[in-house]
Protein backbone atom coordinates (compact mmCIF):
# COMPACT_ATOMS: atom_id res chain seq x y z
CA UNK A 1 0.00 0.00 0.00
CA UNK A 2 1.31 3.47 -0.80
CA UNK A 3 1.66 6.05 1.92
CA UNK A 4 -1.13 8.59 2.40
CA UNK A 5 -0.35 12.25 1.93
CA UNK A 6 -1.12 14.92 4.49
CA UNK A 7 -3.05 17.93 3.19
CA UNK A 8 -0.54 20.76 3.02
CA UNK A 9 -3.04 23.30 4.32
CA UNK A 10 -3.57 21.29 7.48
CA UNK A 11 0.16 21.27 8.22
CA UNK A 12 0.24 25.06 8.06
CA UNK A 13 -2.96 25.88 9.94
CA UNK A 14 -3.31 23.43 12.83
CA UNK A 15 -1.21 22.21 15.74
CA UNK A 16 -1.93 19.20 17.90
CA UNK A 17 -2.07 19.57 21.69
CA UNK A 18 -0.81 16.96 24.14
CA UNK A 19 -4.35 15.74 24.80
CA UNK A 20 -5.12 15.31 21.09
CA UNK A 21 -7.10 18.49 20.49
CA UNK A 22 -6.43 20.78 17.55
CA UNK A 23 -5.46 24.43 17.95
CA UNK A 24 -6.10 26.92 15.16
CA UNK A 25 -5.85 30.62 14.52
CA UNK A 26 -9.07 32.61 14.43
CA UNK A 27 -10.38 33.77 11.06
CA UNK A 28 -11.05 37.41 10.22
CA UNK A 29 -7.92 38.93 11.76
CA UNK A 30 -5.81 39.81 8.72
CA UNK A 31 -7.18 43.08 7.38
CA UNK A 32 -10.17 45.45 7.60
CA UNK A 33 -10.02 45.39 11.38
CA UNK A 34 -11.34 48.94 11.60
CA UNK A 35 -14.82 47.58 10.84
CA UNK A 36 -14.68 45.15 13.79
CA UNK A 37 -15.32 46.38 17.28
CA UNK A 38 -12.68 46.18 20.01
CA UNK A 39 -14.38 43.27 21.77
CA UNK A 40 -14.16 41.09 18.65
CA UNK A 41 -10.48 41.86 18.16
CA UNK A 42 -9.67 41.27 21.83
CA UNK A 43 -11.53 37.96 22.11
CA UNK A 44 -10.00 36.54 18.93
CA UNK A 45 -6.44 37.57 19.76
CA UNK A 46 -5.11 34.11 20.58
CA UNK A 47 -5.56 30.66 19.09
CA UNK A 48 -8.58 28.58 19.97
CA UNK A 49 -9.41 24.88 20.12
CA UNK A 50 -11.26 23.32 17.21
CA UNK A 51 -14.71 21.92 17.90
CA UNK A 52 -15.09 18.19 18.45
CA UNK A 53 -17.18 17.73 15.31
CA UNK A 54 -14.55 19.33 13.08
CA UNK A 55 -11.61 17.60 14.76
CA UNK A 56 -12.43 14.22 13.22
CA UNK A 57 -12.50 15.71 9.73
CA UNK A 58 -9.20 17.52 10.11
CA UNK A 59 -7.48 14.49 11.64
CA UNK A 60 -8.52 12.46 8.59
CA UNK A 61 -6.59 14.95 6.45
CA UNK A 62 -3.45 14.27 8.52
CA UNK A 63 -3.33 10.45 8.64
CA UNK A 64 0.01 10.24 10.49
CA UNK A 65 -0.56 13.13 12.90
CA UNK A 66 0.88 16.63 12.95
CA UNK A 67 4.46 16.99 14.08
PDB file of N, CA and C in Angstrom:
ATOM      1  N   UNK A   1       0.844  -1.194   0.000  1.00  0.00           N
ATOM      2  CA  UNK A   1       0.000   0.000   0.000  1.00  0.00           C
ATOM      3  C   UNK A   1       0.883   1.250   0.000  1.00  0.00           C
ATOM      4  N   UNK A   2       0.542   2.234  -0.827  1.00  0.00           N
ATOM      5  CA  UNK A   2       1.307   3.475  -0.802  1.00  0.00           C
ATOM      6  C   UNK A   2       0.966   4.299   0.433  1.00  0.00           C
ATOM      7  N   UNK A   3       1.885   5.168   0.777  1.00  0.00           N
ATOM      8  CA  UNK A   3       1.656   6.050   1.919  1.00  0.00           C
ATOM      9  C   UNK A   3       0.598   7.095   1.572  1.00  0.00           C
ATOM     10  N   UNK A   4      -0.128   7.539   2.585  1.00  0.00           N
ATOM     11  CA  UNK A   4      -1.129   8.586   2.395  1.00  0.00           C
ATOM     12  C   UNK A   4      -0.474   9.941   2.590  1.00  0.00           C
ATOM     13  N   UNK A   5      -0.911  10.903   1.812  1.00  0.00           N
ATOM     14  CA  UNK A   5      -0.346  12.249   1.932  1.00  0.00           C
ATOM     15  C   UNK A   5      -1.163  13.076   2.907  1.00  0.00           C
ATOM     16  N   UNK A   6      -0.474  13.954   3.613  1.00  0.00           N
ATOM     17  CA  UNK A   6      -1.124  14.921   4.485  1.00  0.00           C
ATOM     18  C   UNK A   6      -1.463  16.156   3.665  1.00  0.00           C
ATOM     19  N   UNK A   7      -2.677  16.695   3.875  1.00  0.00           N
ATOM     20  CA  UNK A   7      -3.052  17.934   3.193  1.00  0.00           C
ATOM     21  C   UNK A   7      -2.103  19.043   3.629  1.00  0.00           C
ATOM     22  N   UNK A   8      -1.546  19.769   2.687  1.00  0.00           N
ATOM     23  CA  UNK A   8      -0.536  20.761   3.024  1.00  0.00           C
ATOM     24  C   UNK A   8      -1.134  21.938   3.793  1.00  0.00           C
ATOM     25  N   UNK A   9      -2.410  22.219   3.572  1.00  0.00           N
ATOM     26  CA  UNK A   9      -3.041  23.304   4.319  1.00  0.00           C
ATOM     27  C   UNK A   9      -3.215  22.979   5.789  1.00  0.00           C
ATOM     28  N   UNK A  10      -3.404  21.701   6.089  1.00  0.00           N
ATOM     29  CA  UNK A  10      -3.572  21.286   7.483  1.00  0.00           C
ATOM     30  C   UNK A  10      -2.260  21.436   8.238  1.00  0.00           C
ATOM     31  N   UNK A  11      -1.153  21.131   7.580  1.00  0.00           N
ATOM     32  CA  UNK A  11       0.162  21.267   8.222  1.00  0.00           C
ATOM     33  C   UNK A  11       0.421  22.715   8.633  1.00  0.00           C
ATOM     34  N   UNK A  12      -0.047  23.643   7.817  1.00  0.00           N
ATOM     35  CA  UNK A  12       0.238  25.057   8.064  1.00  0.00           C
ATOM     36  C   UNK A  12      -0.701  25.675   9.086  1.00  0.00           C
ATOM     37  N   UNK A  13      -1.929  25.177   9.192  1.00  0.00           N
ATOM     38  CA  UNK A  13      -2.961  25.885   9.937  1.00  0.00           C
ATOM     39  C   UNK A  13      -3.284  25.310  11.300  1.00  0.00           C
ATOM     40  N   UNK A  14      -2.900  24.065  11.585  1.00  0.00           N
ATOM     41  CA  UNK A  14      -3.305  23.425  12.828  1.00  0.00           C
ATOM     42  C   UNK A  14      -2.097  22.884  13.571  1.00  0.00           C
ATOM     43  N   UNK A  15      -2.192  22.874  14.899  1.00  0.00           N
ATOM     44  CA  UNK A  15      -1.206  22.206  15.738  1.00  0.00           C
ATOM     45  C   UNK A  15      -1.948  21.305  16.703  1.00  0.00           C
ATOM     46  N   UNK A  16      -1.329  20.203  17.043  1.00  0.00           N
ATOM     47  CA  UNK A  16      -1.931  19.197  17.904  1.00  0.00           C
ATOM     48  C   UNK A  16      -1.473  19.424  19.339  1.00  0.00           C
ATOM     49  N   UNK A  17      -2.414  19.415  20.281  1.00  0.00           N
ATOM     50  CA  UNK A  17      -2.066  19.569  21.687  1.00  0.00           C
ATOM     51  C   UNK A  17      -1.697  18.206  22.266  1.00  0.00           C
ATOM     52  N   UNK A  18      -1.233  18.198  23.501  1.00  0.00           N
ATOM     53  CA  UNK A  18      -0.811  16.957  24.139  1.00  0.00           C
ATOM     54  C   UNK A  18      -1.988  16.016  24.389  1.00  0.00           C
ATOM     55  N   UNK A  19      -3.179  16.567  24.547  1.00  0.00           N
ATOM     56  CA  UNK A  19      -4.352  15.735  24.799  1.00  0.00           C
ATOM     57  C   UNK A  19      -5.065  15.324  23.514  1.00  0.00           C
ATOM     58  N   UNK A  20      -4.535  15.717  22.348  1.00  0.00           N
ATOM     59  CA  UNK A  20      -5.118  15.307  21.086  1.00  0.00           C
ATOM     60  C   UNK A  20      -6.086  16.294  20.476  1.00  0.00           C
ATOM     61  N   UNK A  21      -6.226  17.473  21.076  1.00  0.00           N
ATOM     62  CA  UNK A  21      -7.101  18.491  20.493  1.00  0.00           C
ATOM     63  C   UNK A  21      -6.325  19.279  19.445  1.00  0.00           C
ATOM     64  N   UNK A  22      -7.053  19.999  18.617  1.00  0.00           N
ATOM     65  CA  UNK A  22      -6.426  20.776  17.553  1.00  0.00           C
ATOM     66  C   UNK A  22      -6.575  22.263  17.834  1.00  0.00           C
ATOM     67  N   UNK A  23      -5.454  22.982  17.799  1.00  0.00           N
ATOM     68  CA  UNK A  23      -5.464  24.431  17.949  1.00  0.00           C
ATOM     69  C   UNK A  23      -5.419  25.063  16.570  1.00  0.00           C
ATOM     70  N   UNK A  24      -6.095  26.215  16.435  1.00  0.00           N
ATOM     71  CA  UNK A  24      -6.097  26.923  15.159  1.00  0.00           C
ATOM     72  C   UNK A  24      -6.185  28.410  15.418  1.00  0.00           C
ATOM     73  N   UNK A  25      -5.710  29.183  14.452  1.00  0.00           N
ATOM     74  CA  UNK A  25      -5.852  30.619  14.519  1.00  0.00           C
ATOM     75  C   UNK A  25      -7.257  31.031  14.138  1.00  0.00           C
ATOM     76  N   UNK A  26      -7.695  32.160  14.654  1.00  0.00           N
ATOM     77  CA  UNK A  26      -9.069  32.612  14.425  1.00  0.00           C
ATOM     78  C   UNK A  26      -9.136  33.360  13.091  1.00  0.00           C
ATOM     79  N   UNK A  27     -10.199  33.117  12.356  1.00  0.00           N
ATOM     80  CA  UNK A  27     -10.379  33.767  11.057  1.00  0.00           C
ATOM     81  C   UNK A  27     -10.826  35.219  11.237  1.00  0.00           C
ATOM     82  N   UNK A  28     -10.589  36.025  10.219  1.00  0.00           N
ATOM     83  CA  UNK A  28     -11.052  37.407  10.215  1.00  0.00           C
ATOM     84  C   UNK A  28     -10.148  38.366  10.946  1.00  0.00           C
ATOM     85  N   UNK A  29      -8.833  38.067  11.007  1.00  0.00           N
ATOM     86  CA  UNK A  29      -7.924  38.927  11.759  1.00  0.00           C
ATOM     87  C   UNK A  29      -6.780  39.456  10.900  1.00  0.00           C
ATOM     88  N   UNK A  30      -6.917  39.416   9.590  1.00  0.00           N
ATOM     89  CA  UNK A  30      -5.809  39.808   8.720  1.00  0.00           C
ATOM     90  C   UNK A  30      -5.885  41.280   8.302  1.00  0.00           C
ATOM     91  N   UNK A  31      -7.045  41.694   7.871  1.00  0.00           N
ATOM     92  CA  UNK A  31      -7.177  43.076   7.384  1.00  0.00           C
ATOM     93  C   UNK A  31      -8.601  43.532   7.622  1.00  0.00           C
ATOM     94  N   UNK A  32      -8.868  44.809   7.356  1.00  0.00           N
ATOM     95  CA  UNK A  32     -10.173  45.451   7.597  1.00  0.00           C
ATOM     96  C   UNK A  32     -10.599  45.327   9.053  1.00  0.00           C
ATOM     97  N   UNK A  33      -9.682  45.514   9.965  1.00  0.00           N
ATOM     98  CA  UNK A  33     -10.019  45.390  11.381  1.00  0.00           C
ATOM     99  C   UNK A  33     -10.712  46.641  11.908  1.00  0.00           C
ATOM    100  N   UNK A  34     -10.686  47.713  11.152  1.00  0.00           N
ATOM    101  CA  UNK A  34     -11.345  48.936  11.599  1.00  0.00           C
ATOM    102  C   UNK A  34     -12.861  48.741  11.653  1.00  0.00           C
ATOM    103  N   UNK A  35     -13.380  47.806  10.845  1.00  0.00           N
ATOM    104  CA  UNK A  35     -14.820  47.577  10.836  1.00  0.00           C
ATOM    105  C   UNK A  35     -15.270  46.661  11.975  1.00  0.00           C
ATOM    106  N   UNK A  36     -14.330  45.971  12.635  1.00  0.00           N
ATOM    107  CA  UNK A  36     -14.677  45.147  13.793  1.00  0.00           C
ATOM    108  C   UNK A  36     -14.576  45.986  15.058  1.00  0.00           C
ATOM    109  N   UNK A  37     -15.411  45.640  16.031  1.00  0.00           N
ATOM    110  CA  UNK A  37     -15.317  46.385  17.282  1.00  0.00           C
ATOM    111  C   UNK A  37     -14.187  45.817  18.137  1.00  0.00           C
ATOM    112  N   UNK A  38     -13.834  46.535  19.186  1.00  0.00           N
ATOM    113  CA  UNK A  38     -12.681  46.182  20.007  1.00  0.00           C
ATOM    114  C   UNK A  38     -12.887  44.857  20.719  1.00  0.00           C
ATOM    115  N   UNK A  39     -14.112  44.532  21.083  1.00  0.00           N
ATOM    116  CA  UNK A  39     -14.381  43.267  21.774  1.00  0.00           C
ATOM    117  C   UNK A  39     -14.075  42.079  20.870  1.00  0.00           C
ATOM    118  N   UNK A  40     -14.429  42.172  19.603  1.00  0.00           N
ATOM    119  CA  UNK A  40     -14.163  41.091  18.652  1.00  0.00           C
ATOM    120  C   UNK A  40     -12.660  40.875  18.488  1.00  0.00           C
ATOM    121  N   UNK A  41     -11.921  41.949  18.345  1.00  0.00           N
ATOM    122  CA  UNK A  41     -10.475  41.860  18.158  1.00  0.00           C
ATOM    123  C   UNK A  41      -9.813  41.296  19.414  1.00  0.00           C
ATOM    124  N   UNK A  42     -10.266  41.715  20.568  1.00  0.00           N
ATOM    125  CA  UNK A  42      -9.672  41.268  21.827  1.00  0.00           C
ATOM    126  C   UNK A  42      -9.953  39.790  22.090  1.00  0.00           C
ATOM    127  N   UNK A  43     -11.178  39.340  21.818  1.00  0.00           N
ATOM    128  CA  UNK A  43     -11.533  37.959  22.107  1.00  0.00           C
ATOM    129  C   UNK A  43     -10.901  36.975  21.134  1.00  0.00           C
ATOM    130  N   UNK A  44     -10.586  37.427  19.929  1.00  0.00           N
ATOM    131  CA  UNK A  44      -9.996  36.543  18.931  1.00  0.00           C
ATOM    132  C   UNK A  44      -8.496  36.767  18.782  1.00  0.00           C
ATOM    133  N   UNK A  45      -7.862  37.245  19.826  1.00  0.00           N
ATOM    134  CA  UNK A  45      -6.439  37.566  19.762  1.00  0.00           C
ATOM    135  C   UNK A  45      -5.590  36.310  19.716  1.00  0.00           C
ATOM    136  N   UNK A  46      -5.926  35.315  20.493  1.00  0.00           N
ATOM    137  CA  UNK A  46      -5.109  34.108  20.583  1.00  0.00           C
ATOM    138  C   UNK A  46      -5.696  32.988  19.735  1.00  0.00           C
ATOM    139  N   UNK A  47      -5.033  31.833  19.783  1.00  0.00           N
ATOM    140  CA  UNK A  47      -5.556  30.658  19.094  1.00  0.00           C
ATOM    141  C   UNK A  47      -6.692  30.069  19.909  1.00  0.00           C
ATOM    142  N   UNK A  48      -7.492  29.245  19.269  1.00  0.00           N
ATOM    143  CA  UNK A  48      -8.581  28.575  19.966  1.00  0.00           C
ATOM    144  C   UNK A  48      -8.586  27.104  19.581  1.00  0.00           C
ATOM    145  N   UNK A  49      -9.343  26.320  20.332  1.00  0.00           N
ATOM    146  CA  UNK A  49      -9.409  24.879  20.116  1.00  0.00           C
ATOM    147  C   UNK A  49     -10.547  24.579  19.145  1.00  0.00           C
ATOM    148  N   UNK A  50     -10.272  23.700  18.204  1.00  0.00           N
ATOM    149  CA  UNK A  50     -11.261  23.319  17.208  1.00  0.00           C
ATOM    150  C   UNK A  50     -12.377  22.512  17.855  1.00  0.00           C
ATOM    151  N   UNK A  51     -13.587  22.641  17.332  1.00  0.00           N
ATOM    152  CA  UNK A  51     -14.712  21.917  17.901  1.00  0.00           C
ATOM    153  C   UNK A  51     -14.549  20.416  17.677  1.00  0.00           C
ATOM    154  N   UNK A  52     -15.230  19.646  18.503  1.00  0.00           N
ATOM    155  CA  UNK A  52     -15.088  18.189  18.454  1.00  0.00           C
ATOM    156  C   UNK A  52     -15.601  17.619  17.139  1.00  0.00           C
ATOM    157  N   UNK A  53     -16.632  18.218  16.571  1.00  0.00           N
ATOM    158  CA  UNK A  53     -17.184  17.734  15.312  1.00  0.00           C
ATOM    159  C   UNK A  53     -16.210  17.933  14.154  1.00  0.00           C
ATOM    160  N   UNK A  54     -15.491  19.048  14.161  1.00  0.00           N
ATOM    161  CA  UNK A  54     -14.553  19.329  13.077  1.00  0.00           C
ATOM    162  C   UNK A  54     -13.219  18.619  13.260  1.00  0.00           C
ATOM    163  N   UNK A  55     -12.902  18.217  14.489  1.00  0.00           N
ATOM    164  CA  UNK A  55     -11.613  17.596  14.761  1.00  0.00           C
ATOM    165  C   UNK A  55     -11.456  16.288  14.006  1.00  0.00           C
ATOM    166  N   UNK A  56     -12.511  15.494  13.927  1.00  0.00           N
ATOM    167  CA  UNK A  56     -12.427  14.216  13.224  1.00  0.00           C
ATOM    168  C   UNK A  56     -12.149  14.416  11.745  1.00  0.00           C
ATOM    169  N   UNK A  57     -12.725  15.435  11.148  1.00  0.00           N
ATOM    170  CA  UNK A  57     -12.501  15.709   9.731  1.00  0.00           C
ATOM    171  C   UNK A  57     -11.067  16.130   9.472  1.00  0.00           C
ATOM    172  N   UNK A  58     -10.544  17.014  10.309  1.00  0.00           N
ATOM    173  CA  UNK A  58      -9.195  17.523  10.110  1.00  0.00           C
ATOM    174  C   UNK A  58      -8.168  16.432  10.369  1.00  0.00           C
ATOM    175  N   UNK A  59      -8.420  15.579  11.360  1.00  0.00           N
ATOM    176  CA  UNK A  59      -7.479  14.494  11.638  1.00  0.00           C
ATOM    177  C   UNK A  59      -7.443  13.476  10.496  1.00  0.00           C
ATOM    178  N   UNK A  60      -8.522  13.352   9.748  1.00  0.00           N
ATOM    179  CA  UNK A  60      -8.519  12.464   8.585  1.00  0.00           C
ATOM    180  C   UNK A  60      -7.639  13.023   7.482  1.00  0.00           C
ATOM    181  N   UNK A  61      -7.462  14.330   7.434  1.00  0.00           N
ATOM    182  CA  UNK A  61      -6.590  14.952   6.445  1.00  0.00           C
ATOM    183  C   UNK A  61      -5.118  14.827   6.816  1.00  0.00           C
ATOM    184  N   UNK A  62      -4.835  14.474   8.063  1.00  0.00           N
ATOM    185  CA  UNK A  62      -3.453  14.269   8.525  1.00  0.00           C
ATOM    186  C   UNK A  62      -3.361  12.852   9.070  1.00  0.00           C
ATOM    187  N   UNK A  63      -3.203  11.848   8.193  1.00  0.00           N
ATOM    188  CA  UNK A  63      -3.325  10.452   8.641  1.00  0.00           C
ATOM    189  C   UNK A  63      -2.238  10.013   9.606  1.00  0.00           C
ATOM    190  N   UNK A  64      -1.075  10.642   9.606  1.00  0.00           N
ATOM    191  CA  UNK A  64       0.009  10.237  10.495  1.00  0.00           C
ATOM    192  C   UNK A  64       0.259  11.249  11.607  1.00  0.00           C
ATOM    193  N   UNK A  65      -0.693  12.128  11.842  1.00  0.00           N
ATOM    194  CA  UNK A  65      -0.557  13.132  12.896  1.00  0.00           C
ATOM    195  C   UNK A  65       0.170  14.362  12.406  1.00  0.00           C
ATOM    196  N   UNK A  66       0.204  15.370  13.258  1.00  0.00           N
ATOM    197  CA  UNK A  66       0.881  16.633  12.946  1.00  0.00           C
ATOM    198  C   UNK A  66       2.089  16.739  13.855  1.00  0.00           C
ATOM    199  N   UNK A  67       3.259  16.844  13.267  1.00  0.00           N
ATOM    200  CA  UNK A  67       4.459  16.990  14.083  1.00  0.00           C
ATOM    201  C   UNK A  67       5.347  18.077  13.535  1.00  0.00           C
TER     202      UNK A  67
END
